[in-house]
Protein backbone atom coordinates (compact mmCIF):
# COMPACT_ATOMS: atom_id res chain seq x y z
CA MET A 1 35.25 9.79 -4.70
CA SER A 2 37.13 7.52 -2.19
CA ASN A 3 36.63 3.77 -1.80
CA CYS A 4 33.75 2.47 0.25
CA SER A 5 32.13 6.11 0.27
CA GLU A 6 28.62 6.16 1.83
CA GLU A 7 27.66 8.71 -0.92
CA PHE A 8 25.56 7.74 -3.90
CA PRO A 9 27.97 7.66 -6.90
CA TYR A 10 27.63 9.80 -10.04
CA THR A 11 27.02 7.79 -13.17
CA SER A 12 30.34 8.96 -14.41
CA ILE A 13 32.07 6.98 -11.58
CA LEU A 14 29.58 4.21 -11.47
CA TYR A 15 29.52 2.95 -15.04
CA PRO A 16 33.38 2.56 -15.63
CA GLU A 17 33.48 0.30 -12.44
CA LEU A 18 30.73 -1.89 -13.87
CA ASP A 19 32.37 -2.50 -17.37
CA ASN A 20 33.77 -5.74 -16.27
CA ASN A 21 31.32 -6.88 -13.80
CA THR A 22 29.22 -9.35 -15.49
CA SER A 23 26.83 -10.24 -12.61
CA VAL A 24 25.88 -6.59 -12.19
CA ILE A 25 25.28 -6.13 -15.83
CA VAL A 26 23.08 -9.19 -15.83
CA ILE A 27 20.95 -7.96 -12.88
CA GLY A 28 20.59 -4.77 -14.59
CA VAL A 29 19.20 -6.43 -17.83
CA LEU A 30 16.87 -8.72 -15.80
CA ALA A 31 15.61 -5.71 -13.94
CA LEU A 32 14.85 -3.85 -17.33
CA ILE A 33 13.12 -6.98 -18.57
CA LEU A 34 10.98 -7.19 -15.38
CA LEU A 35 10.10 -3.45 -15.81
CA VAL A 36 9.00 -4.19 -19.41
CA LEU A 37 6.77 -7.04 -18.27
CA THR A 38 5.13 -5.06 -15.48
CA LEU A 39 4.42 -2.31 -17.95
CA VAL A 40 2.94 -4.93 -20.43
CA ILE A 41 0.78 -6.27 -17.64
CA TYR A 42 -0.26 -2.75 -16.67
CA ALA A 43 -1.21 -1.79 -20.19
CA GLU A 44 -3.31 -5.10 -20.50
CA GLU A 45 -5.12 -4.28 -17.31
CA LEU A 46 -5.86 -0.70 -18.51
CA TRP A 47 -7.30 -2.08 -21.73
CA PHE A 48 -9.53 -4.47 -19.59
CA MET A 49 -10.71 -1.76 -17.32
CA CYS A 50 -11.47 0.74 -20.10
CA ARG A 51 -13.06 -1.71 -22.58
CA VAL A 52 -14.56 -4.69 -20.71
CA ASN A 53 -15.17 -3.43 -17.12
CA SER A 54 -15.77 0.28 -17.80
CA LEU A 55 -18.96 0.55 -15.83
CA THR A 56 -17.60 -0.60 -12.50
CA PRO A 57 -17.86 2.32 -9.96
CA ASN A 58 -14.54 1.61 -8.51
CA ARG A 59 -12.66 1.84 -11.91
CA ASN A 60 -10.74 4.93 -11.39
CA LEU A 61 -9.62 3.82 -7.96
CA VAL A 62 -8.64 0.58 -9.10
CA ILE A 63 -6.68 2.03 -11.93
CA PHE A 64 -4.70 4.02 -9.23
CA ILE A 65 -3.84 0.91 -7.37
CA LEU A 66 -2.65 -0.85 -10.47
CA THR A 67 -0.59 2.15 -11.44
CA LEU A 68 1.50 1.74 -8.12
CA PHE A 69 3.35 -1.24 -9.34
CA PRO A 70 4.80 -0.10 -12.75
CA VAL A 71 5.68 3.27 -11.18
CA LEU A 72 7.43 1.51 -8.37
CA SER A 73 9.28 -0.73 -10.59
CA LEU A 74 10.36 2.31 -12.78
CA CYS A 75 11.64 4.17 -9.83
CA CYS A 76 13.50 1.27 -8.78
CA VAL A 77 15.33 0.90 -12.12
CA ILE A 78 16.09 4.64 -12.20
CA GLY A 79 17.60 4.46 -8.74
CA LEU A 80 19.80 1.54 -9.98
CA LEU A 81 20.83 3.40 -13.10
CA VAL A 82 21.11 6.76 -11.65
CA PRO A 83 22.13 6.40 -7.78
CA ARG A 84 22.05 10.15 -7.16
CA SER A 85 18.34 10.12 -7.88
CA THR A 86 17.62 7.72 -4.93
CA ILE A 87 16.13 10.12 -2.63
CA LEU A 88 13.77 11.44 -5.31
CA MET A 89 12.64 8.07 -6.10
CA GLU A 90 12.02 7.39 -2.47
CA PHE A 91 9.78 10.54 -2.22
CA ILE A 92 7.69 9.42 -5.16
CA THR A 93 7.27 5.81 -4.21
CA SER A 94 6.59 6.68 -0.51
CA THR A 95 3.97 9.14 -1.50
CA LEU A 96 2.07 6.65 -3.82
CA ARG A 97 2.41 3.85 -1.15
CA GLY A 98 0.86 6.18 1.53
CA ILE A 99 -1.99 7.10 -0.71
CA SER A 100 -2.66 3.55 -1.83
CA ILE A 101 -4.09 2.53 1.67
CA LEU A 102 -6.61 5.37 1.56
CA VAL A 103 -7.51 4.31 -1.86
CA TYR A 104 -7.96 0.74 -0.94
CA LEU A 105 -10.29 1.79 1.91
CA MET A 106 -12.52 3.82 -0.76
CA ILE A 107 -12.61 0.79 -2.97
CA LEU A 108 -14.00 -1.14 -0.03
CA ILE A 109 -16.59 1.39 0.66
CA GLY A 110 -17.32 1.75 -2.99
CA TYR A 111 -18.40 -2.14 -3.08
CA PHE A 112 -21.43 -0.97 -0.97
CA ASP A 113 -22.05 2.03 -3.00
CA ASN A 114 -21.52 4.51 -0.20
CA GLU A 115 -21.05 4.68 3.46
CA ASP A 116 -24.69 4.75 4.59
CA LYS A 117 -25.33 1.31 2.78
CA LEU A 118 -22.17 -0.01 4.17
CA LEU A 119 -23.33 0.71 7.73
CA VAL A 120 -26.83 -0.70 6.91
CA GLU A 121 -25.22 -4.02 5.54
CA MET A 122 -22.79 -4.34 8.30
CA SER A 123 -25.13 -3.77 11.04
CA ASP A 124 -25.45 -7.35 12.00
CA SER A 125 -21.67 -8.19 11.45
CA PRO A 126 -19.10 -8.19 14.20
CA PHE A 127 -16.37 -5.57 13.91
CA SER A 128 -13.26 -5.41 16.12
CA PHE A 129 -10.15 -3.35 16.38
CA ARG A 130 -8.34 -6.38 18.06
CA SER A 131 -6.13 -7.06 14.79
CA PRO A 132 -2.42 -6.73 13.95
CA PRO A 133 -0.21 -4.95 13.91
CA CYS A 134 -1.09 -2.86 16.92
CA CYS A 135 -3.86 -4.66 19.10
CA CYS A 136 -3.95 -8.46 18.07
CA CYS A 137 -3.23 -9.50 21.76
CA CYS A 138 -5.60 -7.04 23.47
CA ILE A 139 -8.25 -9.35 24.77
CA CYS A 140 -9.98 -6.38 26.38
CA ILE A 141 -11.31 -5.21 22.97
CA HIS A 142 -14.49 -6.83 22.20
CA GLY A 143 -16.26 -7.01 18.87
CA SER A 144 -19.39 -4.83 18.12
CA PRO A 145 -21.26 -3.79 14.95
CA ILE A 146 -19.60 -1.22 13.11
CA THR A 147 -20.83 2.39 13.51
CA ARG A 148 -20.35 5.81 11.88
CA LYS A 149 -17.93 6.65 14.50
CA THR A 150 -15.99 3.55 13.95
CA LEU A 151 -15.79 4.16 10.08
CA ARG A 152 -14.64 7.73 10.86
CA ILE A 153 -11.91 6.43 13.06
CA ILE A 154 -10.73 3.94 10.20
CA LYS A 155 -10.71 6.77 7.64
CA VAL A 156 -8.75 9.01 9.87
CA LEU A 157 -6.09 6.19 10.36
CA CYS A 158 -5.69 5.67 6.66
CA ILE A 159 -5.77 9.47 5.90
CA GLN A 160 -2.94 10.34 8.31
CA LEU A 161 -0.57 8.06 6.46
CA ALA A 162 -1.67 9.71 3.09
CA ALA A 163 -0.75 13.12 4.52
CA ILE A 164 2.16 12.26 6.71
CA ARG A 165 4.29 10.25 4.34
CA PRO A 166 4.49 13.14 1.64
CA PHE A 167 5.15 15.67 4.23
CA THR A 168 8.03 13.78 5.96
CA MET A 169 9.69 12.82 2.80
CA LEU A 170 9.35 16.44 1.42
CA ILE A 171 11.17 17.62 4.70
CA LEU A 172 14.02 14.97 3.97
CA VAL A 173 14.30 15.99 0.41
CA LEU A 174 14.74 19.77 1.35
CA LEU A 175 17.34 18.68 4.05
CA TRP A 176 19.10 16.61 1.44
CA VAL A 177 19.18 19.61 -1.01
CA ASP A 178 20.67 21.61 1.79
CA ASN A 179 23.33 18.94 2.41
CA LYS A 180 22.03 18.41 5.94
CA TYR A 181 20.76 14.72 5.29
CA GLU A 182 21.73 11.55 3.46
CA LEU A 183 19.89 8.39 3.11
CA THR A 184 22.95 6.57 4.25
CA ASP A 185 23.36 8.45 7.28
CA THR A 186 23.25 6.18 10.37
CA MET A 187 20.40 6.47 12.78
CA SER A 188 21.17 8.79 15.67
CA THR A 189 19.89 11.61 17.66
CA SER A 190 21.89 13.99 15.58
CA ASN A 191 20.38 12.69 12.36
CA PRO A 192 17.36 14.53 11.54
CA GLY A 193 16.12 11.50 9.36
CA THR A 194 15.83 9.25 12.44
CA PHE A 195 12.96 11.30 13.87
CA PHE A 196 11.11 11.25 10.62
CA GLN A 197 11.58 7.56 10.17
CA PHE A 198 10.05 6.65 13.48
CA ILE A 199 7.02 8.89 12.58
CA ASN A 200 6.72 7.09 9.24
CA ILE A 201 6.83 3.69 10.81
CA ALA A 202 4.11 4.70 13.45
CA SER A 203 2.00 6.20 10.94
CA LEU A 204 2.14 3.16 8.63
CA LEU A 205 1.42 0.82 11.63
CA LEU A 206 -1.78 2.71 12.42
CA ALA A 207 -3.04 2.92 8.84
CA MET A 208 -2.36 -0.91 8.43
CA TRP A 209 -4.33 -1.44 11.72
CA GLY A 210 -7.32 0.27 10.35
CA ALA A 211 -7.11 -1.24 6.89
CA ILE A 212 -6.80 -4.96 8.33
CA ALA A 213 -9.59 -4.50 10.80
CA MET A 214 -11.88 -3.17 7.99
CA THR A 215 -10.77 -5.94 5.63
CA THR A 216 -11.57 -8.65 8.17
CA ALA A 217 -14.97 -7.19 8.88
CA THR A 218 -16.02 -6.83 5.25
CA GLU A 219 -14.60 -9.81 3.39
CA LYS A 220 -17.28 -12.23 4.48
CA ARG A 221 -19.89 -9.86 2.87
CA LEU A 222 -17.76 -9.80 -0.45
CA PRO A 223 -16.81 -13.45 -0.91
CA GLU A 224 -16.58 -13.34 -4.79
CA SER A 225 -14.65 -10.05 -4.96
CA ARG A 226 -11.29 -11.34 -3.84
CA ILE A 227 -10.89 -8.70 -1.16
CA ARG A 228 -8.05 -10.46 0.61
CA ALA A 229 -5.96 -10.61 -2.59
CA LYS A 230 -6.77 -6.97 -3.12
CA PHE A 231 -5.44 -5.95 0.16
CA LEU A 232 -2.37 -8.27 0.15
CA SER A 233 -1.22 -6.73 -3.09
CA VAL A 234 -1.12 -3.31 -1.20
CA GLN A 235 0.10 -4.70 2.10
CA LEU A 236 2.90 -6.49 0.76
CA THR A 237 4.14 -3.57 -1.34
CA MET A 238 4.49 -1.85 2.15
CA VAL A 239 6.24 -4.81 3.62
CA PHE A 240 8.81 -5.32 0.87
CA SER A 241 9.41 -1.52 0.53
CA ASP A 242 9.92 -0.66 4.23
CA ALA A 243 10.76 -3.95 6.11
CA GLN A 244 13.26 -5.18 3.42
CA LYS A 245 14.95 -1.74 3.22
CA ALA A 246 15.32 -1.54 7.16
CA LEU A 247 16.68 -5.16 7.16
CA LEU A 248 19.19 -4.54 4.58
CA THR A 249 20.40 -1.20 6.09
CA LEU A 250 20.87 -3.03 9.44
CA LEU A 251 22.94 -5.83 7.77
CA ALA A 252 25.03 -3.03 6.16
CA SER A 253 25.51 -1.24 9.46
CA ARG A 254 26.73 -4.42 10.89
CA ASP A 255 29.26 -5.04 8.00
CA VAL A 256 27.49 -8.08 6.78
CA ILE A 257 27.06 -6.24 3.38
CA ALA A 258 30.63 -5.48 2.01
CA CYS A 259 31.45 -2.38 0.10
CA VAL A 260 32.41 -2.60 -3.59
CA ASP A 261 34.92 -0.24 -5.18
CA THR A 262 33.59 3.28 -4.38
CA ARG A 263 30.11 2.09 -3.07
CA GLY A 264 30.11 1.58 0.59
CA PRO A 265 27.90 -1.03 2.56
CA LEU A 266 24.87 1.27 2.92
CA VAL A 267 24.95 2.25 -0.72
CA GLN A 268 25.21 -1.35 -1.82
CA ALA A 269 22.23 -2.08 0.59
CA TYR A 270 20.14 0.27 -1.36
CA ARG A 271 21.25 -1.38 -4.73
CA TYR A 272 20.31 -4.78 -3.42
CA HIS A 273 17.05 -3.46 -2.18
CA TYR A 274 15.94 -1.96 -5.59
CA ALA A 275 17.10 -4.99 -7.54
CA LEU A 276 15.03 -7.29 -5.20
CA LEU A 277 11.97 -4.81 -5.31
CA VAL A 278 11.89 -4.97 -9.03
CA LEU A 279 11.29 -8.55 -8.92
CA GLU A 280 8.91 -8.37 -6.03
CA THR A 281 6.92 -5.70 -7.76
CA PHE A 282 6.69 -7.78 -10.81
CA LEU A 283 5.31 -10.64 -8.67
CA LEU A 284 2.78 -8.27 -6.94
CA SER A 285 1.51 -7.09 -10.12
CA LEU A 286 0.65 -10.45 -11.03
CA LEU A 287 -1.15 -10.77 -7.70
CA ALA A 288 -3.00 -7.33 -8.33
CA ARG A 289 -3.87 -8.55 -11.96
CA TYR A 290 -5.59 -11.65 -10.27
CA ALA A 291 -7.39 -9.46 -7.65
CA TYR A 292 -8.51 -6.60 -9.84
CA ARG A 293 -8.73 -7.77 -13.48
CA PHE A 294 -12.12 -9.46 -13.61
CA GLN A 295 -15.83 -8.40 -13.64
CA ASP A 296 -16.73 -7.88 -9.92
CA PRO A 297 -20.22 -9.49 -9.23
CA PRO A 298 -22.56 -6.54 -8.38
CA TYR A 299 -23.12 -6.46 -4.56
CA GLN A 300 -26.77 -7.01 -3.94
CA TYR A 301 -27.27 -4.22 -1.60
CA ASP A 302 -30.37 -2.94 -3.49
CA GLU A 303 -31.92 -6.30 -3.26
CA LEU A 304 -31.23 -6.78 0.34
CA GLY A 305 -32.27 -3.19 1.05
CA LYS A 306 -35.71 -3.93 -0.87
CA GLU A 307 -36.12 -6.97 1.32
CA LYS A 308 -35.55 -5.29 4.49
CA SER A 309 -37.91 -2.52 3.53
CA GLU A 310 -40.54 -5.20 2.57
CA MET A 311 -40.09 -7.02 6.03
CA GLY A 312 -40.46 -3.57 7.68
CA SER A 313 -43.66 -2.84 5.84
CA ILE A 314 -45.07 -6.44 6.72
CA LYS A 315 -44.24 -5.85 10.42
CA THR A 316 -45.82 -2.37 10.31
CA SER A 317 -48.96 -3.75 8.80
CA GLU A 318 -49.16 -6.61 11.46
CA THR A 319 -48.70 -4.03 14.18
CA ASP A 320 -51.54 -1.77 12.86
CA LEU A 321 -53.89 -4.76 12.52
CA ARG A 322 -53.29 -5.73 16.01
CA ASN A 323 -54.08 -2.19 17.14
CA TYR A 324 -57.15 -2.12 15.19
CA ASN A 325 -58.44 -5.37 16.76
CA THR A 326 -57.58 -4.08 20.22
CA ASN A 327 -59.49 -0.86 19.83
CA ALA A 328 -62.34 -2.69 18.28
């Protein structure tokens, strides 16, 4: 393999180059330590969810979100140790990140028990799609109570990401197997990956738009459930995974990141991205531990619904009494 190659090196070529590179060895050891710590945090969270908080209705969904962080960290470490596996690791992590937005939405709905009760409890709360990243400046969008149609739109926005991400990444993996695509290819009209990357970006923005709007509308109804922290643990995973990678590859394409031995600037950009992502995933796992590892106070929809029913019964009785007096 030639110097400054933009192909991911084989381990037989990479490891001899790193024998005397102390800084890279230290970074690799730190990445392994952070991976182990992330796995320990995950194991402790599983013990809590299965032993202490086993009756929560969102337990399986929460476990899926918590699983995202050790899997993402493990894929980053594998990408560092075996660079040729990078596109497969991208396929796994992109799929999990895409599904996590939908799972987060299901967790929000689960706090209200089901969609019908959510609509009842949110009937007097304002809801608006005037939120980032798509329509934060659209003053023509006005708030209104959430309806079944609105909830359906939000679900579609989240479902499309869970469907499009795995599909586009699978296409890219097939093109890579057929030697027609590389992650380090520059963005151009002749590069098939450019088209799919724009699709992924648009899909992500739409899904985040729906999730942010739903989070803003429901967090006041769930003040003790740490909804904002729950959403940030998922949102920041998307930001660090996609925006950071885009920034580093842009710097590499402008020769800000230099090549090292047989590894070209774009290959080095992916290595820096994975090394940083291991650290960021560890910090996000701590945020997720704070957001999910506690006994959620039960949402009082049953008592609220009972009070509303009782108020309705009182109003009905008063109306019947007035009608009776009028007839008499």
